[in-house]
């Protein structure tokens, strides 16, 4: 089973959380959505999304720019977790 962590962070807090989760779970595939397309999620069986929010629960900009790509992913066969 392949596991990856994808994170979107403005100030680095979500990045720190994602990296800590990766270390604790021995997950080496940790991706910043600013540098990696969320389309890559399709390559993994299990995905953890760590996303910062700002203002009144607004989604982080780098992830917001890829929302349509997130919608296109077949999530029915994936185990996933969201941390915001």
N, C-alpha and C. Protein backbone atom coordinates (compact mmCIF):
# COMPACT_ATOMS: atom_id res chain seq x y z
N UNK A 1 0.84 -1.18 0.00
CA UNK A 1 0.00 0.00 0.00
C UNK A 1 0.89 1.24 0.00
N UNK A 2 0.64 2.13 -0.93
CA UNK A 2 1.43 3.35 -1.01
C UNK A 2 0.70 4.50 -0.32
N UNK A 3 1.45 5.26 0.46
CA UNK A 3 0.88 6.37 1.24
C UNK A 3 1.66 7.64 0.91
N UNK A 4 0.93 8.74 0.77
CA UNK A 4 1.56 10.03 0.55
C UNK A 4 0.86 11.09 1.38
N UNK A 5 1.61 12.13 1.69
CA UNK A 5 1.07 13.29 2.39
C UNK A 5 1.23 14.49 1.47
N UNK A 6 0.15 15.21 1.29
CA UNK A 6 0.17 16.45 0.52
C UNK A 6 -0.23 17.58 1.46
N UNK A 7 0.50 18.68 1.39
CA UNK A 7 0.18 19.80 2.27
C UNK A 7 0.15 21.12 1.53
N UNK A 8 -0.63 22.05 2.08
CA UNK A 8 -0.72 23.42 1.57
C UNK A 8 -0.57 24.34 2.77
N UNK A 9 0.44 25.19 2.73
CA UNK A 9 0.78 25.98 3.91
C UNK A 9 1.15 27.40 3.54
N UNK A 10 0.61 28.37 4.28
CA UNK A 10 0.99 29.77 4.07
C UNK A 10 2.20 30.17 4.93
N UNK A 11 2.15 29.84 6.19
CA UNK A 11 3.18 30.30 7.12
C UNK A 11 4.09 29.19 7.62
N UNK A 12 3.87 27.97 7.13
CA UNK A 12 4.74 26.87 7.51
C UNK A 12 4.19 25.94 8.57
N UNK A 13 3.06 26.29 9.18
CA UNK A 13 2.50 25.44 10.23
C UNK A 13 2.02 24.10 9.66
N UNK A 14 1.27 24.15 8.56
CA UNK A 14 0.78 22.91 7.95
C UNK A 14 1.95 22.08 7.42
N UNK A 15 2.97 22.74 6.91
CA UNK A 15 4.16 22.02 6.45
C UNK A 15 4.82 21.27 7.60
N UNK A 16 4.94 21.92 8.75
CA UNK A 16 5.53 21.26 9.92
C UNK A 16 4.68 20.07 10.37
N UNK A 17 3.36 20.24 10.36
CA UNK A 17 2.47 19.14 10.74
C UNK A 17 2.63 17.98 9.76
N UNK A 18 2.63 18.27 8.47
CA UNK A 18 2.77 17.23 7.45
C UNK A 18 4.09 16.47 7.60
N UNK A 19 5.15 17.19 7.82
CA UNK A 19 6.46 16.55 7.97
C UNK A 19 6.54 15.72 9.24
N UNK A 20 5.91 16.20 10.31
CA UNK A 20 5.88 15.44 11.56
C UNK A 20 5.08 14.15 11.39
N UNK A 21 3.93 14.25 10.75
CA UNK A 21 3.13 13.04 10.48
C UNK A 21 3.95 12.07 9.64
N UNK A 22 4.62 12.59 8.63
CA UNK A 22 5.46 11.74 7.78
C UNK A 22 6.53 11.00 8.57
N UNK A 23 7.18 11.72 9.48
CA UNK A 23 8.20 11.09 10.32
C UNK A 23 7.61 10.03 11.23
N UNK A 24 6.49 10.34 11.87
CA UNK A 24 5.86 9.41 12.82
C UNK A 24 5.35 8.14 12.13
N UNK A 25 4.88 8.29 10.88
CA UNK A 25 4.32 7.15 10.15
C UNK A 25 5.32 6.54 9.15
N UNK A 26 6.53 7.07 9.13
CA UNK A 26 7.57 6.62 8.19
C UNK A 26 7.11 6.76 6.73
N UNK A 27 6.44 7.85 6.45
CA UNK A 27 6.01 8.16 5.08
C UNK A 27 7.04 9.10 4.47
N UNK A 28 7.65 8.67 3.38
CA UNK A 28 8.69 9.48 2.75
C UNK A 28 8.16 10.35 1.62
N UNK A 29 6.97 10.05 1.12
CA UNK A 29 6.38 10.84 0.04
C UNK A 29 5.53 11.96 0.64
N UNK A 30 6.16 13.11 0.84
CA UNK A 30 5.51 14.28 1.41
C UNK A 30 5.66 15.41 0.39
N UNK A 31 4.52 15.95 -0.07
CA UNK A 31 4.53 16.90 -1.18
C UNK A 31 3.86 18.22 -0.81
N UNK A 32 4.48 19.31 -1.22
CA UNK A 32 3.90 20.65 -1.11
C UNK A 32 3.11 20.90 -2.39
N UNK A 33 1.82 21.20 -2.28
CA UNK A 33 1.01 21.40 -3.48
C UNK A 33 1.41 22.66 -4.25
N UNK A 34 2.21 23.50 -3.64
CA UNK A 34 2.74 24.66 -4.36
C UNK A 34 3.74 24.20 -5.43
N UNK A 35 4.39 23.07 -5.18
CA UNK A 35 5.42 22.55 -6.07
C UNK A 35 5.02 21.28 -6.82
N UNK A 36 3.94 20.64 -6.37
CA UNK A 36 3.51 19.36 -6.94
C UNK A 36 2.02 19.40 -7.23
N UNK A 37 1.63 19.00 -8.42
CA UNK A 37 0.22 18.95 -8.77
C UNK A 37 -0.51 17.91 -7.93
N UNK A 38 -1.73 18.24 -7.54
CA UNK A 38 -2.54 17.28 -6.79
C UNK A 38 -2.93 16.09 -7.66
N UNK A 39 -2.74 16.17 -8.95
CA UNK A 39 -2.99 15.03 -9.83
C UNK A 39 -2.13 13.83 -9.43
N UNK A 40 -1.01 14.09 -8.79
CA UNK A 40 -0.11 13.03 -8.33
C UNK A 40 -0.78 12.14 -7.29
N UNK A 41 -1.82 12.64 -6.64
CA UNK A 41 -2.56 11.86 -5.65
C UNK A 41 -3.02 10.53 -6.25
N UNK A 42 -3.34 10.54 -7.53
CA UNK A 42 -3.83 9.34 -8.21
C UNK A 42 -2.84 8.18 -8.14
N UNK A 43 -1.57 8.46 -7.90
CA UNK A 43 -0.54 7.43 -7.87
C UNK A 43 -0.49 6.66 -6.54
N UNK A 44 -1.27 7.10 -5.55
CA UNK A 44 -1.18 6.52 -4.21
C UNK A 44 -2.49 5.89 -3.78
N UNK A 45 -2.39 4.86 -2.92
CA UNK A 45 -3.57 4.19 -2.38
C UNK A 45 -4.19 4.97 -1.23
N UNK A 46 -3.34 5.57 -0.42
CA UNK A 46 -3.78 6.33 0.76
C UNK A 46 -3.15 7.71 0.73
N UNK A 47 -3.96 8.69 1.11
CA UNK A 47 -3.50 10.08 1.05
C UNK A 47 -3.91 10.81 2.32
N UNK A 48 -2.98 11.58 2.85
CA UNK A 48 -3.27 12.49 3.96
C UNK A 48 -3.09 13.91 3.42
N UNK A 49 -4.13 14.72 3.56
CA UNK A 49 -4.06 16.12 3.15
C UNK A 49 -3.96 16.98 4.40
N UNK A 50 -2.95 17.82 4.44
CA UNK A 50 -2.78 18.75 5.56
C UNK A 50 -2.87 20.15 4.96
N UNK A 51 -3.88 20.89 5.37
CA UNK A 51 -4.18 22.17 4.73
C UNK A 51 -4.36 23.26 5.77
N UNK A 52 -3.69 24.37 5.57
CA UNK A 52 -3.92 25.52 6.44
C UNK A 52 -5.13 26.29 5.91
N UNK A 53 -5.78 26.99 6.80
CA UNK A 53 -6.85 27.89 6.40
C UNK A 53 -6.50 29.29 6.89
N UNK A 54 -7.13 30.28 6.32
CA UNK A 54 -6.90 31.65 6.77
C UNK A 54 -8.21 32.42 6.71
N UNK A 55 -8.18 33.57 7.31
CA UNK A 55 -9.36 34.42 7.47
C UNK A 55 -10.47 33.61 8.13
N UNK A 56 -11.62 33.49 7.47
CA UNK A 56 -12.75 32.76 8.06
C UNK A 56 -12.88 31.41 7.37
N UNK A 57 -11.89 30.53 7.59
CA UNK A 57 -11.94 29.18 7.03
C UNK A 57 -11.69 29.08 5.55
N UNK A 58 -11.09 30.10 4.96
CA UNK A 58 -10.79 30.05 3.53
C UNK A 58 -9.66 29.07 3.27
N UNK A 59 -9.79 28.32 2.18
CA UNK A 59 -8.78 27.33 1.83
C UNK A 59 -7.49 28.03 1.38
N UNK A 60 -6.39 27.38 1.62
CA UNK A 60 -5.08 27.92 1.26
C UNK A 60 -5.00 28.11 -0.26
N UNK A 61 -4.39 29.20 -0.70
CA UNK A 61 -4.40 29.60 -2.11
C UNK A 61 -3.82 28.56 -3.08
N UNK A 62 -2.70 27.92 -2.71
CA UNK A 62 -2.09 26.95 -3.62
C UNK A 62 -3.00 25.76 -3.86
N UNK A 63 -3.74 25.36 -2.84
CA UNK A 63 -4.68 24.26 -3.00
C UNK A 63 -5.94 24.74 -3.71
N UNK A 64 -6.39 25.92 -3.40
CA UNK A 64 -7.60 26.47 -4.04
C UNK A 64 -7.43 26.52 -5.56
N UNK A 65 -6.21 26.78 -6.02
CA UNK A 65 -5.94 26.85 -7.45
C UNK A 65 -6.06 25.48 -8.12
N UNK A 66 -6.07 24.41 -7.32
CA UNK A 66 -6.12 23.06 -7.88
C UNK A 66 -7.41 22.31 -7.52
N UNK A 67 -8.43 23.02 -7.09
CA UNK A 67 -9.66 22.38 -6.65
C UNK A 67 -10.29 21.54 -7.76
N UNK A 68 -10.29 22.02 -8.98
CA UNK A 68 -10.88 21.24 -10.08
C UNK A 68 -10.13 19.92 -10.28
N UNK A 69 -8.83 19.94 -10.12
CA UNK A 69 -8.05 18.70 -10.22
C UNK A 69 -8.37 17.75 -9.07
N UNK A 70 -8.61 18.30 -7.88
CA UNK A 70 -9.02 17.47 -6.74
C UNK A 70 -10.37 16.80 -7.01
N UNK A 71 -11.28 17.55 -7.58
CA UNK A 71 -12.60 17.01 -7.88
C UNK A 71 -12.54 15.88 -8.91
N UNK A 72 -11.56 15.93 -9.80
CA UNK A 72 -11.44 14.94 -10.88
C UNK A 72 -10.86 13.61 -10.41
N UNK A 73 -10.28 13.58 -9.22
CA UNK A 73 -9.67 12.35 -8.71
C UNK A 73 -10.76 11.37 -8.27
N UNK A 74 -10.55 10.09 -8.59
CA UNK A 74 -11.48 9.05 -8.14
C UNK A 74 -11.13 8.69 -6.70
N UNK A 75 -11.84 9.28 -5.76
CA UNK A 75 -11.57 9.09 -4.34
C UNK A 75 -12.21 7.80 -3.80
N UNK A 76 -13.06 7.15 -4.58
CA UNK A 76 -13.80 5.99 -4.10
C UNK A 76 -12.90 4.82 -3.73
N UNK A 77 -11.71 4.75 -4.30
CA UNK A 77 -10.80 3.64 -4.03
C UNK A 77 -9.62 4.05 -3.16
N UNK A 78 -9.70 5.20 -2.55
CA UNK A 78 -8.59 5.70 -1.76
C UNK A 78 -8.98 5.81 -0.28
N UNK A 79 -8.02 5.55 0.56
CA UNK A 79 -8.19 5.88 1.97
C UNK A 79 -7.62 7.29 2.11
N UNK A 80 -8.36 8.15 2.77
CA UNK A 80 -7.89 9.53 2.87
C UNK A 80 -8.23 10.12 4.22
N UNK A 81 -7.43 11.11 4.58
CA UNK A 81 -7.60 11.85 5.83
C UNK A 81 -7.30 13.31 5.55
N UNK A 82 -8.08 14.19 6.14
CA UNK A 82 -7.87 15.62 5.99
C UNK A 82 -7.59 16.24 7.34
N UNK A 83 -6.54 17.03 7.42
CA UNK A 83 -6.22 17.78 8.62
C UNK A 83 -6.15 19.25 8.24
N UNK A 84 -6.97 20.07 8.87
CA UNK A 84 -6.97 21.49 8.54
C UNK A 84 -6.78 22.30 9.80
